[in-house]
Amino acid sequence: MIPGGIGVVDGALIVAFVAGGLGTDEATAAVMLYRLISFALIGAIGWAVLFAARYARGTTAPRRPGG
């Protein structure tokens, strides 16, 4: 298993873009841009949910297990 399909999905997208008429450099850049945007978006949503959950609870201190 490869986490998030890194490598497998990226390689398949590059091959598909090249088959669709893009050059290798353009296809690679498009896939890397896609990967960067999707990573940043998921990270930003995760941080927003974390902060919202902490502020809804009324504290910014992390919870301790069992306490």
C-alpha atoms as a PDB file:
ATOM      1  CA  MET A   1       0.000   0.000   0.000  1.00  0.00           C
ATOM      2  CA  ILE A   2       1.213   3.445  -0.858  1.00  0.00           C
ATOM      3  CA  PRO A   3      -0.297   6.226   1.285  1.00  0.00           C
ATOM      4  CA  GLY A   4      -2.584   8.442  -0.723  1.00  0.00           C
ATOM      5  CA  GLY A   5      -1.589   6.702  -3.937  1.00  0.00           C
ATOM      6  CA  ILE A   6       1.589   8.782  -4.069  1.00  0.00           C
ATOM      7  CA  GLY A   7       3.598   7.620  -7.022  1.00  0.00           C
ATOM      8  CA  VAL A   8       0.982   5.292  -8.473  1.00  0.00           C
ATOM      9  CA  VAL A   9      -1.745   7.886  -9.007  1.00  0.00           C
ATOM     10  CA  ASP A  10       0.753  10.580  -9.936  1.00  0.00           C
ATOM     11  CA  GLY A  11       2.389   8.351 -12.516  1.00  0.00           C
ATOM     12  CA  ALA A  12      -0.968   7.353 -13.991  1.00  0.00           C
ATOM     13  CA  LEU A  13      -2.048  11.006 -14.216  1.00  0.00           C
ATOM     14  CA  ILE A  14       1.169  11.966 -15.976  1.00  0.00           C
ATOM     15  CA  VAL A  15       0.730   9.141 -18.479  1.00  0.00           C
ATOM     16  CA  ALA A  16      -2.900  10.168 -19.069  1.00  0.00           C
ATOM     17  CA  PHE A  17      -1.968  13.816 -19.593  1.00  0.00           C
ATOM     18  CA  VAL A  18       0.822  12.904 -22.004  1.00  0.00           C
ATOM     19  CA  ALA A  19      -1.588  10.632 -23.905  1.00  0.00           C
ATOM     20  CA  GLY A  20      -3.993  13.576 -24.012  1.00  0.00           C
ATOM     21  CA  GLY A  21      -1.441  15.749 -25.746  1.00  0.00           C
ATOM     22  CA  LEU A  22       0.540  17.542 -23.024  1.00  0.00           C
ATOM     23  CA  GLY A  23       4.300  17.424 -22.997  1.00  0.00           C
ATOM     24  CA  THR A  24       6.036  15.453 -20.270  1.00  0.00           C
ATOM     25  CA  ASP A  25       7.204  18.593 -18.449  1.00  0.00           C
ATOM     26  CA  GLU A  26       3.759  20.202 -18.535  1.00  0.00           C
ATOM     27  CA  ALA A  27       2.051  16.992 -17.403  1.00  0.00           C
ATOM     28  CA  THR A  28       4.481  16.576 -14.508  1.00  0.00           C
ATOM     29  CA  ALA A  29       4.022  20.201 -13.455  1.00  0.00           C
ATOM     30  CA  ALA A  30       0.229  19.872 -13.599  1.00  0.00           C
ATOM     31  CA  VAL A  31       0.265  16.745 -11.429  1.00  0.00           C
ATOM     32  CA  MET A  32       2.655  18.292  -8.892  1.00  0.00           C
ATOM     33  CA  LEU A  33       0.480  21.419  -8.728  1.00  0.00           C
ATOM     34  CA  TYR A  34      -2.587  19.230  -8.206  1.00  0.00           C
ATOM     35  CA  ARG A  35      -0.820  17.314  -5.422  1.00  0.00           C
ATOM     36  CA  LEU A  36       0.325  20.545  -3.731  1.00  0.00           C
ATOM     37  CA  ILE A  37      -3.138  22.143  -3.868  1.00  0.00           C
ATOM     38  CA  SER A  38      -4.917  19.030  -2.637  1.00  0.00           C
ATOM     39  CA  PHE A  39      -2.429  18.623   0.234  1.00  0.00           C
ATOM     40  CA  ALA A  40      -2.696  22.272   1.288  1.00  0.00           C
ATOM     41  CA  LEU A  41      -6.499  22.256   1.117  1.00  0.00           C
ATOM     42  CA  ILE A  42      -6.841  19.123   3.242  1.00  0.00           C
ATOM     43  CA  GLY A  43      -4.306  20.487   5.736  1.00  0.00           C
ATOM     44  CA  ALA A  44      -6.113  23.824   6.018  1.00  0.00           C
ATOM     45  CA  ILE A  45      -9.464  22.107   6.581  1.00  0.00           C
ATOM     46  CA  GLY A  46      -7.921  19.867   9.230  1.00  0.00           C
ATOM     47  CA  TRP A  47      -6.405  22.813  11.119  1.00  0.00           C
ATOM     48  CA  ALA A  48      -9.698  24.721  10.950  1.00  0.00           C
ATOM     49  CA  VAL A  49     -11.606  21.755  12.388  1.00  0.00           C
ATOM     50  CA  LEU A  50      -9.015  21.313  15.134  1.00  0.00           C
ATOM     51  CA  PHE A  51      -9.190  24.952  16.207  1.00  0.00           C
ATOM     52  CA  ALA A  52     -12.980  25.014  15.992  1.00  0.00           C
ATOM     53  CA  ALA A  53     -13.229  21.912  18.181  1.00  0.00           C
ATOM     54  CA  ARG A  54     -10.842  23.343  20.759  1.00  0.00           C
ATOM     55  CA  TYR A  55     -12.570  26.723  20.943  1.00  0.00           C
ATOM     56  CA  ALA A  56     -16.023  25.131  21.091  1.00  0.00           C
ATOM     57  CA  ARG A  57     -14.839  23.226  24.150  1.00  0.00           C
ATOM     58  CA  GLY A  58     -13.645  26.510  25.702  1.00  0.00           C
ATOM     59  CA  THR A  59      -9.978  25.614  25.953  1.00  0.00           C
ATOM     60  CA  THR A  60      -6.915  25.685  23.757  1.00  0.00           C
ATOM     61  CA  ALA A  61      -4.988  23.197  25.898  1.00  0.00           C
ATOM     62  CA  PRO A  62      -4.746  19.683  24.507  1.00  0.00           C
ATOM     63  CA  ARG A  63      -6.798  17.032  26.282  1.00  0.00           C
ATOM     64  CA  ARG A  64      -4.923  14.444  28.272  1.00  0.00           C
ATOM     65  CA  PRO A  65      -5.839  10.796  27.761  1.00  0.00           C
ATOM     66  CA  GLY A  66      -7.857   9.435  30.642  1.00  0.00           C
ATOM     67  CA  GLY A  67      -8.234  12.821  32.324  1.00  0.00           C
END
